[in-house]
C-alpha atoms as a PDB file:
ATOM      1  CA  MET A   1      58.721  63.297 134.903  1.00  0.00           C
ATOM      2  CA  VAL A   2      56.586  62.630 131.832  1.00  0.00           C
ATOM      3  CA  ASN A   3      54.837  59.292 131.757  1.00  0.00           C
ATOM      4  CA  ARG A   4      54.501  57.168 128.633  1.00  0.00           C
ATOM      5  CA  LYS A   5      50.793  57.923 128.118  1.00  0.00           C
ATOM      6  CA  ASP A   6      51.342  61.708 128.214  1.00  0.00           C
ATOM      7  CA  PHE A   7      54.290  61.367 125.828  1.00  0.00           C
ATOM      8  CA  LYS A   8      52.165  59.378 123.345  1.00  0.00           C
ATOM      9  CA  ARG A   9      49.386  61.974 123.547  1.00  0.00           C
ATOM     10  CA  ALA A  10      51.913  64.771 122.931  1.00  0.00           C
ATOM     11  CA  ILE A  11      53.294  63.000 119.841  1.00  0.00           C
ATOM     12  CA  LEU A  12      49.742  62.360 118.601  1.00  0.00           C
ATOM     13  CA  TYR A  13      48.892  66.045 118.975  1.00  0.00           C
ATOM     14  CA  LEU A  14      52.163  67.116 117.364  1.00  0.00           C
ATOM     15  CA  LEU A  15      51.501  65.040 114.244  1.00  0.00           C
ATOM     16  CA  SER A  16      47.716  65.323 113.968  1.00  0.00           C
ATOM     17  CA  HIS A  17      47.079  68.713 115.648  1.00  0.00           C
ATOM     18  CA  HIS A  18      43.925  67.274 117.214  1.00  0.00           C
ATOM     19  CA  GLN A  19      42.834  65.646 120.435  1.00  0.00           C
ATOM     20  CA  GLU A  20      41.845  61.978 120.353  1.00  0.00           C
ATOM     21  CA  ASP A  21      38.145  62.801 119.939  1.00  0.00           C
ATOM     22  CA  HIS A  22      38.803  64.684 116.661  1.00  0.00           C
ATOM     23  CA  LEU A  23      41.095  62.250 114.861  1.00  0.00           C
ATOM     24  CA  ASP A  24      38.625  62.052 111.981  1.00  0.00           C
ATOM     25  CA  ARG A  25      40.262  65.323 110.875  1.00  0.00           C
ATOM     26  CA  ALA A  26      43.593  63.534 110.395  1.00  0.00           C
ATOM     27  CA  LEU A  27      44.783  60.840 108.008  1.00  0.00           C
ATOM     28  CA  CYS A  28      45.412  57.443 109.560  1.00  0.00           C
ATOM     29  CA  LEU A  29      48.469  55.546 108.364  1.00  0.00           C
ATOM     30  CA  ASN A  30      49.015  51.964 109.426  1.00  0.00           C
ATOM     31  CA  ILE A  31      52.757  51.457 109.895  1.00  0.00           C
ATOM     32  CA  PHE A  32      53.957  48.081 111.163  1.00  0.00           C
ATOM     33  CA  GLY A  33      50.561  47.487 112.744  1.00  0.00           C
ATOM     34  CA  LYS A  34      50.618  50.828 114.590  1.00  0.00           C
ATOM     35  CA  LYS A  35      48.208  53.611 113.713  1.00  0.00           C
ATOM     36  CA  LEU A  36      49.863  56.934 112.972  1.00  0.00           C
ATOM     37  CA  TYR A  37      47.612  59.988 112.635  1.00  0.00           C
ATOM     38  CA  ILE A  38      48.907  62.922 110.629  1.00  0.00           C
ATOM     39  CA  CYS A  39      47.246  66.239 109.852  1.00  0.00           C
ATOM     40  CA  ALA A  40      45.370  66.083 106.543  1.00  0.00           C
ATOM     41  CA  ARG A  41      46.020  69.716 105.613  1.00  0.00           C
ATOM     42  CA  CYS A  42      49.724  69.507 106.525  1.00  0.00           C
ATOM     43  CA  THR A  43      50.028  66.364 104.396  1.00  0.00           C
ATOM     44  CA  GLY A  44      48.581  68.211 101.412  1.00  0.00           C
ATOM     45  CA  LEU A  45      50.764  71.243 102.145  1.00  0.00           C
ATOM     46  CA  THR A  46      53.917  69.116 102.200  1.00  0.00           C
ATOM     47  CA  LEU A  47      52.997  67.319  98.965  1.00  0.00           C
ATOM     48  CA  GLY A  48      52.141  70.633  97.266  1.00  0.00           C
ATOM     49  CA  PHE A  49      55.359  72.227  98.429  1.00  0.00           C
ATOM     50  CA  ILE A  50      57.475  69.303  97.190  1.00  0.00           C
ATOM     51  CA  SER A  51      55.699  69.153  93.824  1.00  0.00           C
ATOM     52  CA  GLY A  52      55.986  72.939  93.390  1.00  0.00           C
ATOM     53  CA  ILE A  53      59.709  72.815  94.039  1.00  0.00           C
ATOM     54  CA  LEU A  54      60.119  69.871  91.645  1.00  0.00           C
ATOM     55  CA  LEU A  55      58.052  71.589  88.948  1.00  0.00           C
ATOM     56  CA  GLN A  56      60.048  74.798  89.216  1.00  0.00           C
ATOM     57  CA  SER A  57      63.357  72.922  89.358  1.00  0.00           C
ATOM     58  CA  PHE A  58      62.748  70.774  86.287  1.00  0.00           C
ATOM     59  CA  SER A  59      60.737  73.087  84.065  1.00  0.00           C
ATOM     60  CA  ILE A  60      60.919  76.264  82.083  1.00  0.00           C
ATOM     61  CA  ILE A  61      59.550  78.320  84.995  1.00  0.00           C
ATOM     62  CA  THR A  62      62.743  80.073  85.936  1.00  0.00           C
ATOM     63  CA  GLN A  63      61.451  83.640  85.995  1.00  0.00           C
ATOM     64  CA  MET A  64      58.050  85.104  86.750  1.00  0.00           C
ATOM     65  CA  ASP A  65      56.653  88.592  87.218  1.00  0.00           C
ATOM     66  CA  GLN A  66      56.767  89.569  90.910  1.00  0.00           C
ATOM     67  CA  ASN A  67      53.133  90.700  91.009  1.00  0.00           C
ATOM     68  CA  LEU A  68      51.891  87.580  89.228  1.00  0.00           C
ATOM     69  CA  SER A  69      53.805  85.288  91.561  1.00  0.00           C
ATOM     70  CA  LEU A  70      52.374  87.043  94.633  1.00  0.00           C
ATOM     71  CA  LEU A  71      48.847  86.872  93.224  1.00  0.00           C
ATOM     72  CA  LEU A  72      49.297  83.166  92.451  1.00  0.00           C
ATOM     73  CA  ALA A  73      50.567  82.497  95.965  1.00  0.00           C
ATOM     74  CA  ILE A  74      47.666  84.386  97.558  1.00  0.00           C
ATOM     75  CA  GLY A  75      45.094  82.824  95.231  1.00  0.00           C
ATOM     76  CA  LEU A  76      46.336  79.317  95.967  1.00  0.00           C
ATOM     77  CA  ALA A  77      46.532  79.981  99.735  1.00  0.00           C
ATOM     78  CA  LEU A  78      43.037  81.457 100.099  1.00  0.00           C
ATOM     79  CA  PRO A  79      41.054  78.187  99.787  1.00  0.00           C
ATOM     80  CA  ALA A  80      42.992  76.654 102.695  1.00  0.00           C
ATOM     81  CA  MET A  81      42.543  79.789 104.765  1.00  0.00           C
ATOM     82  CA  VAL A  82      38.808  79.975 104.027  1.00  0.00           C
ATOM     83  CA  ASP A  83      38.327  76.264 104.799  1.00  0.00           C
ATOM     84  CA  TRP A  84      40.242  76.520 108.078  1.00  0.00           C
ATOM     85  CA  TRP A  85      38.603  79.836 109.034  1.00  0.00           C
ATOM     86  CA  THR A  86      35.049  78.594 108.472  1.00  0.00           C
ATOM     87  CA  GLN A  87      35.826  75.486 110.519  1.00  0.00           C
ATOM     88  CA  SER A  88      37.436  77.398 113.370  1.00  0.00           C
ATOM     89  CA  VAL A  89      35.187  80.419 113.586  1.00  0.00           C
ATOM     90  CA  PHE A  90      31.822  79.026 112.527  1.00  0.00           C
ATOM     91  CA  GLY A  91      32.172  75.367 113.502  1.00  0.00           C
ATOM     92  CA  ARG A  92      31.641  74.035 109.964  1.00  0.00           C
ATOM     93  CA  GLU A  93      32.968  70.515 109.493  1.00  0.00           C
ATOM     94  CA  SER A  94      35.228  70.007 106.523  1.00  0.00           C
ATOM     95  CA  LYS A  95      36.202  66.731 104.902  1.00  0.00           C
ATOM     96  CA  ASN A  96      39.707  65.308 104.660  1.00  0.00           C
ATOM     97  CA  TYR A  97      39.729  65.410 100.852  1.00  0.00           C
ATOM     98  CA  ILE A  98      39.044  69.170 101.095  1.00  0.00           C
ATOM     99  CA  ARG A  99      41.749  69.589 103.740  1.00  0.00           C
ATOM    100  CA  VAL A 100      44.309  67.696 101.652  1.00  0.00           C
ATOM    101  CA  SER A 101      43.452  69.484  98.389  1.00  0.00           C
ATOM    102  CA  THR A 102      43.414  72.990  99.917  1.00  0.00           C
ATOM    103  CA  GLY A 103      46.636  72.153 101.761  1.00  0.00           C
ATOM    104  CA  TYR A 104      48.153  71.015  98.463  1.00  0.00           C
ATOM    105  CA  ALA A 105      47.177  74.302  96.806  1.00  0.00           C
ATOM    106  CA  LEU A 106      48.655  76.219  99.740  1.00  0.00           C
ATOM    107  CA  GLY A 107      51.959  74.330  99.576  1.00  0.00           C
ATOM    108  CA  PHE A 108      52.131  74.710  95.809  1.00  0.00           C
ATOM    109  CA  GLY A 109      51.355  78.431  96.090  1.00  0.00           C
ATOM    110  CA  ILE A 110      54.072  79.004  98.668  1.00  0.00           C
ATOM    111  CA  THR A 111      56.685  77.945  96.119  1.00  0.00           C
ATOM    112  CA  PHE A 112      55.757  80.914  93.901  1.00  0.00           C
ATOM    113  CA  LEU A 113      56.822  83.332  96.629  1.00  0.00           C
ATOM    114  CA  ARG A 114      60.443  82.858  95.581  1.00  0.00           C
ATOM    115  CA  PHE A 115      59.718  85.073  92.559  1.00  0.00           C
ATOM    116  CA  SER A 116      57.935  87.716  94.601  1.00  0.00           C
ATOM    117  CA  ASN A 117      59.100  90.971  96.138  1.00  0.00           C
ATOM    118  CA  VAL A 118      60.306  90.243  99.700  1.00  0.00           C
ATOM    119  CA  THR A 119      58.511  93.235 101.216  1.00  0.00           C
ATOM    120  CA  TRP A 120      55.113  92.286  99.787  1.00  0.00           C
ATOM    121  CA  THR A 121      55.687  88.660 100.731  1.00  0.00           C
ATOM    122  CA  ILE A 122      56.275  89.656 104.356  1.00  0.00           C
ATOM    123  CA  VAL A 123      53.226  91.959 104.352  1.00  0.00           C
ATOM    124  CA  THR A 124      51.083  89.136 102.945  1.00  0.00           C
ATOM    125  CA  ILE A 125      52.348  86.670 105.542  1.00  0.00           C
ATOM    126  CA  ILE A 126      51.643  89.152 108.350  1.00  0.00           C
ATOM    127  CA  ILE A 127      48.080  89.656 107.080  1.00  0.00           C
ATOM    128  CA  PHE A 128      47.507  85.881 106.955  1.00  0.00           C
ATOM    129  CA  PHE A 129      48.906  85.510 110.495  1.00  0.00           C
ATOM    130  CA  ILE A 130      46.573  88.251 111.777  1.00  0.00           C
ATOM    131  CA  PHE A 131      43.570  86.435 110.287  1.00  0.00           C
ATOM    132  CA  ALA A 132      44.838  83.168 111.779  1.00  0.00           C
ATOM    133  CA  ALA A 133      45.223  84.739 115.232  1.00  0.00           C
ATOM    134  CA  ILE A 134      41.698  86.154 115.052  1.00  0.00           C
ATOM    135  CA  GLY A 135      40.436  82.734 113.923  1.00  0.00           C
ATOM    136  CA  LEU A 136      42.170  80.972 116.805  1.00  0.00           C
ATOM    137  CA  TYR A 137      40.770  83.468 119.295  1.00  0.00           C
ATOM    138  CA  ARG A 138      37.246  83.050 117.894  1.00  0.00           C
ATOM    139  CA  ARG A 139      37.637  79.258 118.003  1.00  0.00           C
ATOM    140  CA  VAL A 140      38.608  79.282 121.686  1.00  0.00           C
ATOM    141  CA  ILE A 141      35.648  81.545 122.474  1.00  0.00           C
ATOM    142  CA  ARG A 142      33.290  79.354 120.398  1.00  0.00           C
ATOM    143  CA  GLU A 143      34.462  76.068 121.904  1.00  0.00           C
ATOM    144  CA  TYR A 144      34.967  77.115 125.506  1.00  0.00           C
ATOM    145  CA  GLY A 145      33.235  80.459 125.958  1.00  0.00           C
ATOM    146  CA  LEU A 146      34.350  83.233 128.247  1.00  0.00           C
ATOM    147  CA  LYS A 147      32.378  81.821 131.184  1.00  0.00           C
ATOM    148  CA  SER A 148      33.576  78.211 130.824  1.00  0.00           C
ATOM    149  CA  ASP A 149      35.895  76.601 133.356  1.00  0.00           C
ATOM    150  CA  LYS A 150      37.845  75.195 130.402  1.00  0.00           C
ATOM    151  CA  TYR A 151      38.545  78.653 128.909  1.00  0.00           C
ATOM    152  CA  VAL A 152      42.318  78.940 128.631  1.00  0.00           C
ATOM    153  CA  GLY A 153      42.365  82.682 129.249  1.00  0.00           C
ATOM    154  CA  LYS A 154      40.950  82.278 132.749  1.00  0.00           C
ATOM    155  CA  GLY A 155      43.345  82.212 135.668  1.00  0.00           C
ATOM    156  CA  LYS A 156      43.022  79.660 138.489  1.00  0.00           C
ATOM    157  CA  GLU A 157      41.848  82.318 140.917  1.00  0.00           C
ATOM    158  CA  GLU A 158      38.975  83.269 138.578  1.00  0.00           C
ATOM    159  CA  ILE A 159      37.769  79.656 138.303  1.00  0.00           C
ATOM    160  CA  GLU A 160      37.532  79.051 142.048  1.00  0.00           C
END
């Protein structure tokens, strides 16, 4: 049975993607006197995605060259990837205005993929996921280390 405190911590992590000691990396909304923490980069991504869809729906951008659309999507996604990567791998601290703006560019860029060749879109997404997986692995090693008791890759029998 899940207790109320664990449930609240799970919801906090789901919305902010951070533990309580790193909530400075999330935006704090005050709703009916309750603090709600949401991920800064995801907020920017959502706003960028919505504005990209609105711009393409209500403008003259109805067709675009497949190569140009893929390059635009990659170019707009790279700042978010570089910001996240340098934070995760090297421990650099970013600021929320950078997280929101790079997230916005990422969300806006994603909307251009609708004009792109499906094969190259999938290849690009796979490449980004590989870099993200490497970044996550390096972050776990940096934060916990292979010899740490908190290292998630260590089995219980290895710790004792």
